[in-house]
Every structure is written in structure tokens, then in C-alpha cells.
Amino acid sequence: MSPLAAAGDHATTWSWLALGLAGAAVLAFVVLFVSALFSVLGSRLGGGMKLVWVVFAFCAPFLGSLLWFAFGRRDAGEPVRR
């Protein structure tokens, strides 16, 4: 096997590895986003706050989902204030 052919095989291997890692990252993002939406909609928050969190999650999907799990879920456990 020539050295050029071996270099091409390594490039192909790295390309497939990078594609697999990118696919795994996209899948993890989709799972995070969908689980945040289900968590928001299933929470005990009032309708207006649920709407705010869902809109925020759609406007900034990654940040909105992370902020929901970091801060929003904690507030959702408290009774609704009237």
C-alpha cells in the first residue's frame, strides 16, 4: 500500500469519526430540548409561565432548555401564588 493511500484512509476514518460525534451531539441536543418541553408542559406552573418557558425554549433552544433545568424546574415545584 502506498503512503498516499494510507493517508487517505486516515482522513476517511477521521471524517467518519467527526460525523459520528457531530451526530451524537445533535441527538443529545434534540433529547435535551424535547425533554425540557415535556418537563415544562407537565409542571405545576400556571399557563402564562408555561407559555413564557416554551417560547423561550423555542427562541433559544439550547440556552432555554439549560436554564429550565437549572432554574425553572426548581420554581415549578413551588405552589402557584395567586
Protein backbone atom coordinates (compact mmCIF):
# COMPACT_ATOMS: atom_id res chain seq x y z
CA MET A 1 0.00 0.00 0.00
CA SER A 2 1.35 3.40 -0.90
CA PRO A 3 1.81 6.10 1.75
CA LEU A 4 -0.73 8.31 -0.05
CA ALA A 5 -3.41 5.61 0.11
CA ALA A 6 -2.76 5.13 3.84
CA ALA A 7 -3.10 8.87 4.43
CA GLY A 8 -6.41 8.85 2.58
CA ASP A 9 -7.70 6.03 4.79
CA HIS A 10 -6.86 8.00 7.91
CA ALA A 11 -8.63 11.07 6.55
CA THR A 12 -11.71 8.98 5.81
CA THR A 13 -11.61 7.45 9.29
CA TRP A 14 -11.35 10.87 10.93
CA SER A 15 -14.17 12.18 8.74
CA TRP A 16 -16.47 9.36 9.83
CA LEU A 17 -15.46 9.85 13.45
CA ALA A 18 -16.19 13.58 13.26
CA LEU A 19 -19.52 12.88 11.58
CA GLY A 20 -20.44 10.39 14.29
CA LEU A 21 -19.52 12.82 17.07
CA ALA A 22 -21.50 15.61 15.42
CA GLY A 23 -24.48 13.30 15.06
CA ALA A 24 -24.26 12.31 18.73
CA ALA A 25 -24.12 15.99 19.74
CA VAL A 26 -27.19 16.81 17.62
CA LEU A 27 -29.06 13.84 19.08
CA ALA A 28 -28.16 14.92 22.64
CA PHE A 29 -29.37 18.46 21.86
CA VAL A 30 -32.70 17.18 20.48
CA VAL A 31 -33.21 14.94 23.53
CA LEU A 32 -32.44 17.89 25.86
CA PHE A 33 -34.84 20.19 24.00
CA VAL A 34 -37.72 17.69 23.82
CA SER A 35 -37.31 16.64 27.45
CA ALA A 36 -37.35 20.31 28.51
CA LEU A 37 -40.59 20.89 26.59
CA PHE A 38 -42.26 17.87 28.18
CA SER A 39 -40.98 18.93 31.59
CA VAL A 40 -42.33 22.48 31.18
CA LEU A 41 -45.71 21.31 29.94
CA GLY A 42 -46.01 18.75 32.74
CA SER A 43 -45.02 21.15 35.50
CA ARG A 44 -47.36 22.76 38.01
CA LEU A 45 -46.70 26.25 36.68
CA GLY A 46 -49.59 28.43 35.59
CA GLY A 47 -50.49 28.69 31.92
CA GLY A 48 -48.78 32.04 31.44
CA MET A 49 -45.45 30.91 32.87
CA LYS A 50 -45.58 27.70 30.85
CA LEU A 51 -46.08 29.80 27.73
CA VAL A 52 -43.12 32.02 28.64
CA TRP A 53 -40.82 28.99 29.12
CA VAL A 54 -41.99 27.30 25.91
CA VAL A 55 -41.48 30.48 23.87
CA PHE A 56 -38.05 30.96 25.45
CA ALA A 57 -37.15 27.35 24.66
CA PHE A 58 -38.14 27.81 21.01
CA CYS A 59 -36.36 31.17 20.66
CA ALA A 60 -33.12 29.96 22.27
CA PRO A 61 -33.36 26.15 22.26
CA PHE A 62 -30.07 25.23 23.91
CA LEU A 63 -29.96 28.09 26.41
CA GLY A 64 -33.69 27.89 27.16
CA SER A 65 -33.52 24.16 27.87
CA LEU A 66 -30.47 24.52 30.09
CA LEU A 67 -31.99 27.41 32.02
CA TRP A 68 -35.23 25.47 32.51
CA PHE A 69 -33.38 22.55 34.09
CA ALA A 70 -31.10 24.86 36.10
CA PHE A 71 -33.68 27.33 37.44
CA GLY A 72 -37.20 26.79 36.12
CA ARG A 73 -37.84 23.31 37.43
CA ARG A 74 -36.90 24.42 40.91
CA ASP A 75 -39.54 27.16 40.79
CA ALA A 76 -42.11 24.81 39.25
CA GLY A 77 -42.12 22.71 42.41
CA GLU A 78 -43.46 25.57 44.50
CA PRO A 79 -47.22 26.06 44.78
CA VAL A 80 -48.74 28.57 42.39
CA ARG A 81 -49.12 32.01 44.01
CA ARG A 82 -52.45 33.74 43.49
